[in-house]
C-alpha atoms as a PDB file:
ATOM      1  CA  UNK A   1      -8.367  71.853-137.883  1.00  0.00           C
ATOM      2  CA  UNK A   2     -10.219  74.798-139.364  1.00  0.00           C
ATOM      3  CA  UNK A   3      -7.283  77.226-139.003  1.00  0.00           C
ATOM      4  CA  UNK A   4      -4.000  75.327-139.071  1.00  0.00           C
ATOM      5  CA  UNK A   5      -0.951  77.335-137.931  1.00  0.00           C
ATOM      6  CA  UNK A   6       1.004  76.359-141.035  1.00  0.00           C
ATOM      7  CA  UNK A   7       2.070  78.179-144.181  1.00  0.00           C
ATOM      8  CA  UNK A   8       0.393  77.526-147.508  1.00  0.00           C
ATOM      9  CA  UNK A   9       1.753  74.443-149.293  1.00  0.00           C
ATOM     10  CA  UNK A  10       4.162  73.655-146.460  1.00  0.00           C
ATOM     11  CA  UNK A  11       3.568  69.954-145.664  1.00  0.00           C
ATOM     12  CA  UNK A  12       3.721  66.670-147.537  1.00  0.00           C
ATOM     13  CA  UNK A  13       0.901  64.978-145.645  1.00  0.00           C
ATOM     14  CA  UNK A  14      -2.106  65.947-143.593  1.00  0.00           C
ATOM     15  CA  UNK A  15      -3.820  63.269-141.513  1.00  0.00           C
ATOM     16  CA  UNK A  16      -6.677  63.136-139.058  1.00  0.00           C
ATOM     17  CA  UNK A  17      -8.004  60.140-137.155  1.00  0.00           C
ATOM     18  CA  UNK A  18     -11.375  60.148-135.434  1.00  0.00           C
ATOM     19  CA  UNK A  19     -11.430  63.930-135.284  1.00  0.00           C
ATOM     20  CA  UNK A  20     -12.917  65.276-138.511  1.00  0.00           C
ATOM     21  CA  UNK A  21     -16.480  64.542-137.352  1.00  0.00           C
ATOM     22  CA  UNK A  22     -15.874  66.779-134.321  1.00  0.00           C
ATOM     23  CA  UNK A  23     -15.024  69.847-136.400  1.00  0.00           C
ATOM     24  CA  UNK A  24     -17.824  72.374-136.552  1.00  0.00           C
ATOM     25  CA  UNK A  25     -17.179  73.446-140.152  1.00  0.00           C
ATOM     26  CA  UNK A  26     -16.255  70.282-142.031  1.00  0.00           C
ATOM     27  CA  UNK A  27     -15.797  71.932-145.426  1.00  0.00           C
ATOM     28  CA  UNK A  28     -13.534  74.608-143.916  1.00  0.00           C
ATOM     29  CA  UNK A  29     -11.394  71.903-142.300  1.00  0.00           C
ATOM     30  CA  UNK A  30     -11.060  70.098-145.642  1.00  0.00           C
ATOM     31  CA  UNK A  31     -10.141  73.339-147.430  1.00  0.00           C
ATOM     32  CA  UNK A  32      -7.584  74.064-144.722  1.00  0.00           C
ATOM     33  CA  UNK A  33      -6.021  70.615-145.126  1.00  0.00           C
ATOM     34  CA  UNK A  34      -5.672  71.255-148.855  1.00  0.00           C
ATOM     35  CA  UNK A  35      -4.248  74.738-148.269  1.00  0.00           C
ATOM     36  CA  UNK A  36      -1.308  73.460-146.222  1.00  0.00           C
ATOM     37  CA  UNK A  37      -0.463  70.555-148.554  1.00  0.00           C
ATOM     38  CA  UNK A  38       2.255  70.888-151.162  1.00  0.00           C
ATOM     39  CA  UNK A  39       1.430  69.766-154.693  1.00  0.00           C
ATOM     40  CA  UNK A  40       1.759  65.991-154.605  1.00  0.00           C
ATOM     41  CA  UNK A  41       0.780  65.971-150.914  1.00  0.00           C
ATOM     42  CA  UNK A  42      -1.496  63.345-149.418  1.00  0.00           C
ATOM     43  CA  UNK A  43      -4.584  63.754-147.257  1.00  0.00           C
ATOM     44  CA  UNK A  44      -5.709  60.787-145.151  1.00  0.00           C
ATOM     45  CA  UNK A  45      -8.677  60.603-142.818  1.00  0.00           C
ATOM     46  CA  UNK A  46      -9.614  57.647-140.617  1.00  0.00           C
ATOM     47  CA  UNK A  47     -13.075  58.092-139.207  1.00  0.00           C
ATOM     48  CA  UNK A  48     -16.026  56.182-137.817  1.00  0.00           C
ATOM     49  CA  UNK A  49     -18.495  55.744-140.627  1.00  0.00           C
ATOM     50  CA  UNK A  50     -21.710  54.064-141.740  1.00  0.00           C
ATOM     51  CA  UNK A  51     -21.956  50.264-141.707  1.00  0.00           C
ATOM     52  CA  UNK A  52     -22.521  48.854-145.193  1.00  0.00           C
ATOM     53  CA  UNK A  53     -23.233  45.189-144.425  1.00  0.00           C
ATOM     54  CA  UNK A  54     -26.912  44.267-144.002  1.00  0.00           C
ATOM     55  CA  UNK A  55     -27.763  42.876-140.559  1.00  0.00           C
ATOM     56  CA  UNK A  56     -24.395  44.076-139.176  1.00  0.00           C
ATOM     57  CA  UNK A  57     -25.709  47.626-139.531  1.00  0.00           C
ATOM     58  CA  UNK A  58     -28.693  46.823-137.293  1.00  0.00           C
ATOM     59  CA  UNK A  59     -26.590  44.921-134.749  1.00  0.00           C
ATOM     60  CA  UNK A  60     -24.011  47.706-134.603  1.00  0.00           C
ATOM     61  CA  UNK A  61     -26.736  50.320-134.214  1.00  0.00           C
ATOM     62  CA  UNK A  62     -28.274  48.466-131.274  1.00  0.00           C
ATOM     63  CA  UNK A  63     -24.868  47.894-129.699  1.00  0.00           C
ATOM     64  CA  UNK A  64     -23.890  51.528-130.142  1.00  0.00           C
ATOM     65  CA  UNK A  65     -26.967  53.015-128.525  1.00  0.00           C
ATOM     66  CA  UNK A  66     -27.584  50.358-125.853  1.00  0.00           C
ATOM     67  CA  UNK A  67     -24.109  49.222-124.821  1.00  0.00           C
ATOM     68  CA  UNK A  68     -21.548  51.959-125.505  1.00  0.00           C
ATOM     69  CA  UNK A  69     -23.003  54.636-123.190  1.00  0.00           C
ATOM     70  CA  UNK A  70     -23.407  52.103-120.374  1.00  0.00           C
ATOM     71  CA  UNK A  71     -19.912  50.766-120.927  1.00  0.00           C
ATOM     72  CA  UNK A  72     -18.572  54.320-120.913  1.00  0.00           C
ATOM     73  CA  UNK A  73     -20.324  55.012-117.610  1.00  0.00           C
ATOM     74  CA  UNK A  74     -18.896  51.829-116.090  1.00  0.00           C
ATOM     75  CA  UNK A  75     -15.310  52.322-117.311  1.00  0.00           C
ATOM     76  CA  UNK A  76     -14.900  56.105-117.209  1.00  0.00           C
ATOM     77  CA  UNK A  77     -17.951  57.490-115.452  1.00  0.00           C
ATOM     78  CA  UNK A  78     -18.679  59.453-118.651  1.00  0.00           C
ATOM     79  CA  UNK A  79     -21.910  58.074-120.105  1.00  0.00           C
ATOM     80  CA  UNK A  80     -22.730  61.354-121.889  1.00  0.00           C
ATOM     81  CA  UNK A  81     -19.407  61.373-123.752  1.00  0.00           C
ATOM     82  CA  UNK A  82     -20.143  57.952-125.196  1.00  0.00           C
ATOM     83  CA  UNK A  83     -23.704  58.924-126.077  1.00  0.00           C
ATOM     84  CA  UNK A  84     -22.214  61.933-127.916  1.00  0.00           C
ATOM     85  CA  UNK A  85     -19.796  59.584-129.719  1.00  0.00           C
ATOM     86  CA  UNK A  86     -22.662  57.455-131.043  1.00  0.00           C
ATOM     87  CA  UNK A  87     -24.734  60.481-132.046  1.00  0.00           C
ATOM     88  CA  UNK A  88     -21.803  62.198-133.778  1.00  0.00           C
ATOM     89  CA  UNK A  89     -21.127  59.077-135.841  1.00  0.00           C
ATOM     90  CA  UNK A  90     -24.762  58.986-136.986  1.00  0.00           C
ATOM     91  CA  UNK A  91     -24.681  62.670-137.995  1.00  0.00           C
ATOM     92  CA  UNK A  92     -21.405  62.372-139.907  1.00  0.00           C
ATOM     93  CA  UNK A  93     -21.745  62.111-143.703  1.00  0.00           C
ATOM     94  CA  UNK A  94     -21.699  58.604-145.191  1.00  0.00           C
ATOM     95  CA  UNK A  95     -18.603  57.516-147.073  1.00  0.00           C
ATOM     96  CA  UNK A  96     -19.667  58.570-150.576  1.00  0.00           C
ATOM     97  CA  UNK A  97     -20.881  61.979-149.372  1.00  0.00           C
ATOM     98  CA  UNK A  98     -17.646  62.646-147.479  1.00  0.00           C
ATOM     99  CA  UNK A  99     -15.658  61.646-150.569  1.00  0.00           C
ATOM    100  CA  UNK A 100     -17.684  64.139-152.627  1.00  0.00           C
ATOM    101  CA  UNK A 101     -16.999  66.885-150.086  1.00  0.00           C
ATOM    102  CA  UNK A 102     -13.271  66.089-150.132  1.00  0.00           C
ATOM    103  CA  UNK A 103     -13.338  66.417-153.924  1.00  0.00           C
ATOM    104  CA  UNK A 104     -15.329  69.665-153.667  1.00  0.00           C
ATOM    105  CA  UNK A 105     -12.541  71.033-151.436  1.00  0.00           C
ATOM    106  CA  UNK A 106     -10.218  70.714-154.435  1.00  0.00           C
ATOM    107  CA  UNK A 107      -8.608  67.329-153.839  1.00  0.00           C
ATOM    108  CA  UNK A 108      -7.869  64.846-156.617  1.00  0.00           C
ATOM    109  CA  UNK A 109      -7.908  61.053-156.793  1.00  0.00           C
ATOM    110  CA  UNK A 110     -10.333  60.863-153.883  1.00  0.00           C
ATOM    111  CA  UNK A 111     -11.230  57.440-152.587  1.00  0.00           C
ATOM    112  CA  UNK A 112     -12.096  55.479-149.480  1.00  0.00           C
ATOM    113  CA  UNK A 113     -11.846  51.978-148.105  1.00  0.00           C
ATOM    114  CA  UNK A 114     -14.322  50.577-145.615  1.00  0.00           C
ATOM    115  CA  UNK A 115     -12.885  48.852-142.575  1.00  0.00           C
ATOM    116  CA  UNK A 116     -14.857  46.339-140.491  1.00  0.00           C
ATOM    117  CA  UNK A 117     -17.839  46.565-142.814  1.00  0.00           C
ATOM    118  CA  UNK A 118     -17.935  50.355-142.684  1.00  0.00           C
ATOM    119  CA  UNK A 119     -17.703  50.798-138.911  1.00  0.00           C
ATOM    120  CA  UNK A 120     -14.712  52.908-139.871  1.00  0.00           C
ATOM    121  CA  UNK A 121     -13.469  54.129-143.241  1.00  0.00           C
ATOM    122  CA  UNK A 122     -10.117  55.374-144.478  1.00  0.00           C
ATOM    123  CA  UNK A 123     -10.467  58.270-146.908  1.00  0.00           C
ATOM    124  CA  UNK A 124      -7.536  59.336-149.039  1.00  0.00           C
ATOM    125  CA  UNK A 125      -6.877  62.080-151.569  1.00  0.00           C
ATOM    126  CA  UNK A 126      -4.053  63.982-153.221  1.00  0.00           C
ATOM    127  CA  UNK A 127      -3.344  67.614-153.884  1.00  0.00           C
ATOM    128  CA  UNK A 128      -2.064  67.639-157.446  1.00  0.00           C
END
């Protein structure tokens, strides 16, 4: 995502789902998405995010740290992968900060919509 094998302004849409938080250089990945978009192109990002509903945030936090790694160990034998998932979500920028970084990468009409109380968020922007 930080070095897409595409020409400048060559695509109408650039999407990523549950992958942006795994990119080492987030701002580079956003700049790269903008680089490959044609004027009028759309950027969409679906990503785990920060819960915005009081009480649900505490319940989700407890569930994430206590249940997900154990469930991952039981289902896949990969407890560490699910612990990483929870930790990577906590380190990822909150919705408003990610929106600001998308705008700083040169996108226009940046916005986001929380899903399931902010457990996930859909970010969208345009290259004008």
